[in-house]
Each structure stands twice: as structure tokens, then as C-alpha cells.
Amino acid sequence: MLVCYYATTNLHLGASNPSMTEGLPHEWRTSETSDLFEAILSLRTLDEAERFFRDLCTLAEIGAMTHRWHAARLLDEALPYHEVATRTGASTTTVTRVAHWLKRGADGYRLVLDRRR
């Protein structure tokens, strides 16, 4: 998921804002990212996903992804940014970023939001 965040950031900002992509590979799709996504797709249960992501990510990374996903769900309900920030504990900067990717991203948020309905 972090790879997805960095990937969409790099994909949509590109050369128009090099400071936002500093340290990120120009082409984010690599055999290593594909392998990671294949590994995620192999998970079959919530318990397996929890175990894998707990080993893969720090608690701060899991917390950040949780804030972003919660923010996406609340933004999809058309709640104001300030309300979303208050409910999720995420910063207004994070909420604004999630809103941007929800509207202009790779449609990953939309795909999962629609599937979870």
C-alpha cells in the first residue's frame, strides 16, 4: 500500500513538481513492486493480511495507511475536510492529499470503495 501511495504520487506529479518526487524512482513499476503486489494477492484471510502487513510495515506506516483509508471512506461520504481530519486523527494535509488522489489518482480508492459497498 505504501508502494501504491508513492507510485501514484510519482505517476501524477512527474516532472511538474520534482521536489515531490525526490528520491522516488522515475518508473515505479518494477519486478520488485510486481512481486510485492503478487505477494499481497496471495493473502487469503484477514489474519494472513494482518500478519503480513505487521511484518512488512512499521506501526507508524500501518497507522498512516489506516488514516488515509478511513479518510477516503469519509470523503466518499462527502464529509468536510475538517470533519474527516477530526474523525480520523489524520492531519488536514493528509486529508487534502487523499481527496486529491480520490479525485485525480489511479482510481484505486474508487475501485475498492465501490467493491466494498
Protein backbone atom coordinates (compact mmCIF):
# COMPACT_ATOMS: atom_id res chain seq x y z
CA MET A 1 0.00 0.00 0.00
CA LEU A 2 2.82 2.35 0.68
CA VAL A 3 4.17 1.45 -2.70
CA CYS A 4 0.78 2.42 -4.13
CA TYR A 5 0.90 5.79 -2.41
CA TYR A 6 4.40 6.57 -3.61
CA ALA A 7 3.60 5.21 -7.03
CA THR A 8 0.56 7.39 -7.57
CA THR A 9 2.42 10.39 -6.22
CA ASN A 10 5.23 9.83 -8.72
CA LEU A 11 2.90 8.90 -11.55
CA HIS A 12 0.77 12.03 -11.34
CA LEU A 13 3.27 14.64 -10.19
CA GLY A 14 6.06 13.57 -12.50
CA ALA A 15 8.43 16.28 -13.69
CA SER A 16 5.95 19.06 -12.95
CA ASN A 17 6.97 19.00 -9.30
CA PRO A 18 10.37 17.34 -8.93
CA SER A 19 10.66 18.19 -5.22
CA MET A 20 7.63 15.98 -4.52
CA THR A 21 9.22 13.00 -6.28
CA GLU A 22 12.76 13.40 -4.97
CA GLY A 23 14.16 10.02 -4.00
CA LEU A 24 11.45 8.12 -5.89
CA PRO A 25 12.22 6.10 -9.00
CA HIS A 26 11.05 7.66 -12.24
CA GLU A 27 9.34 4.43 -13.22
CA TRP A 28 7.80 2.90 -10.11
CA ARG A 29 6.65 -0.33 -11.71
CA THR A 30 9.48 -2.78 -11.28
CA SER A 31 9.77 -6.53 -10.95
CA GLU A 32 10.15 -5.96 -7.20
CA THR A 33 6.90 -3.96 -6.91
CA SER A 34 5.11 -6.58 -9.03
CA ASP A 35 6.44 -9.27 -6.72
CA LEU A 36 5.16 -7.35 -3.69
CA PHE A 37 1.70 -6.95 -5.23
CA GLU A 38 1.64 -10.66 -6.15
CA ALA A 39 2.54 -11.48 -2.54
CA ILE A 40 -0.35 -9.31 -1.31
CA LEU A 41 -2.73 -11.00 -3.75
CA SER A 42 -1.73 -14.40 -2.31
CA LEU A 43 -3.15 -13.49 1.12
CA ARG A 44 -6.40 -15.33 1.77
CA THR A 45 -7.71 -14.18 5.14
CA LEU A 46 -7.82 -11.11 7.33
CA ASP A 47 -5.49 -12.86 9.76
CA GLU A 48 -2.96 -13.52 6.97
CA ALA A 49 -3.14 -9.89 5.84
CA GLU A 50 -2.69 -8.61 9.39
CA ARG A 51 0.34 -10.86 9.94
CA PHE A 52 1.96 -9.98 6.62
CA PHE A 53 1.49 -6.22 6.95
CA ARG A 54 2.61 -6.26 10.58
CA ASP A 55 5.88 -7.87 9.49
CA LEU A 56 6.22 -5.69 6.39
CA CYS A 57 5.36 -2.29 7.89
CA THR A 58 6.14 -0.32 10.99
CA LEU A 59 3.25 0.56 13.29
CA ALA A 60 3.56 4.17 12.08
CA GLU A 61 3.22 3.03 8.44
CA ILE A 62 0.16 0.93 9.26
CA GLY A 63 -1.29 3.89 11.16
CA ALA A 64 -0.68 6.23 8.23
CA MET A 65 -2.33 3.84 5.78
CA THR A 66 -5.25 3.37 8.18
CA HIS A 67 -5.73 7.16 8.43
CA ARG A 68 -5.66 7.52 4.64
CA TRP A 69 -8.13 4.68 4.06
CA HIS A 70 -10.50 5.97 6.76
CA ALA A 71 -10.23 9.47 5.27
CA ALA A 72 -11.05 8.12 1.78
CA ARG A 73 -14.17 6.42 3.12
CA LEU A 74 -15.35 9.58 4.90
CA LEU A 75 -14.53 11.83 1.94
CA ASP A 76 -16.57 9.48 -0.23
CA GLU A 77 -19.50 10.27 2.08
CA ALA A 78 -18.92 13.97 1.25
CA LEU A 79 -17.88 14.97 4.77
CA PRO A 80 -15.97 18.27 5.07
CA TYR A 81 -12.17 18.00 5.28
CA HIS A 82 -12.05 19.36 8.83
CA GLU A 83 -14.62 16.77 9.99
CA VAL A 84 -12.66 13.99 8.27
CA ALA A 85 -9.44 15.14 9.97
CA THR A 86 -11.18 15.24 13.36
CA ARG A 87 -12.73 11.78 12.98
CA THR A 88 -9.64 10.06 11.61
CA GLY A 89 -6.92 11.77 13.59
CA ALA A 90 -5.18 12.49 10.28
CA SER A 91 -3.80 15.93 9.52
CA THR A 92 -5.70 18.21 7.18
CA THR A 93 -2.72 17.89 4.84
CA THR A 94 -3.24 14.13 4.71
CA VAL A 95 -6.97 14.56 4.17
CA THR A 96 -6.32 17.02 1.33
CA ARG A 97 -3.83 14.61 -0.25
CA VAL A 98 -6.30 11.71 -0.01
CA ALA A 99 -9.02 13.88 -1.55
CA HIS A 100 -6.68 14.71 -4.42
CA TRP A 101 -5.91 11.04 -5.13
CA LEU A 102 -9.56 10.12 -4.71
CA LYS A 103 -10.47 12.61 -7.45
CA ARG A 104 -7.39 12.53 -9.69
CA GLY A 105 -5.47 9.40 -8.80
CA ALA A 106 -5.22 6.00 -10.42
CA ASP A 107 -8.79 5.16 -9.28
CA GLY A 108 -7.51 2.67 -6.73
CA TYR A 109 -9.51 4.24 -3.92
CA ARG A 110 -12.62 4.32 -6.13
CA LEU A 111 -12.19 0.69 -7.15
CA VAL A 112 -12.05 -0.55 -3.57
CA LEU A 113 -14.72 1.83 -2.25
CA ASP A 114 -17.12 0.60 -4.91
CA ARG A 115 -16.28 -3.06 -4.28
CA ARG A 116 -16.81 -2.69 -0.53
CA ARG A 117 -20.36 -1.32 -0.94
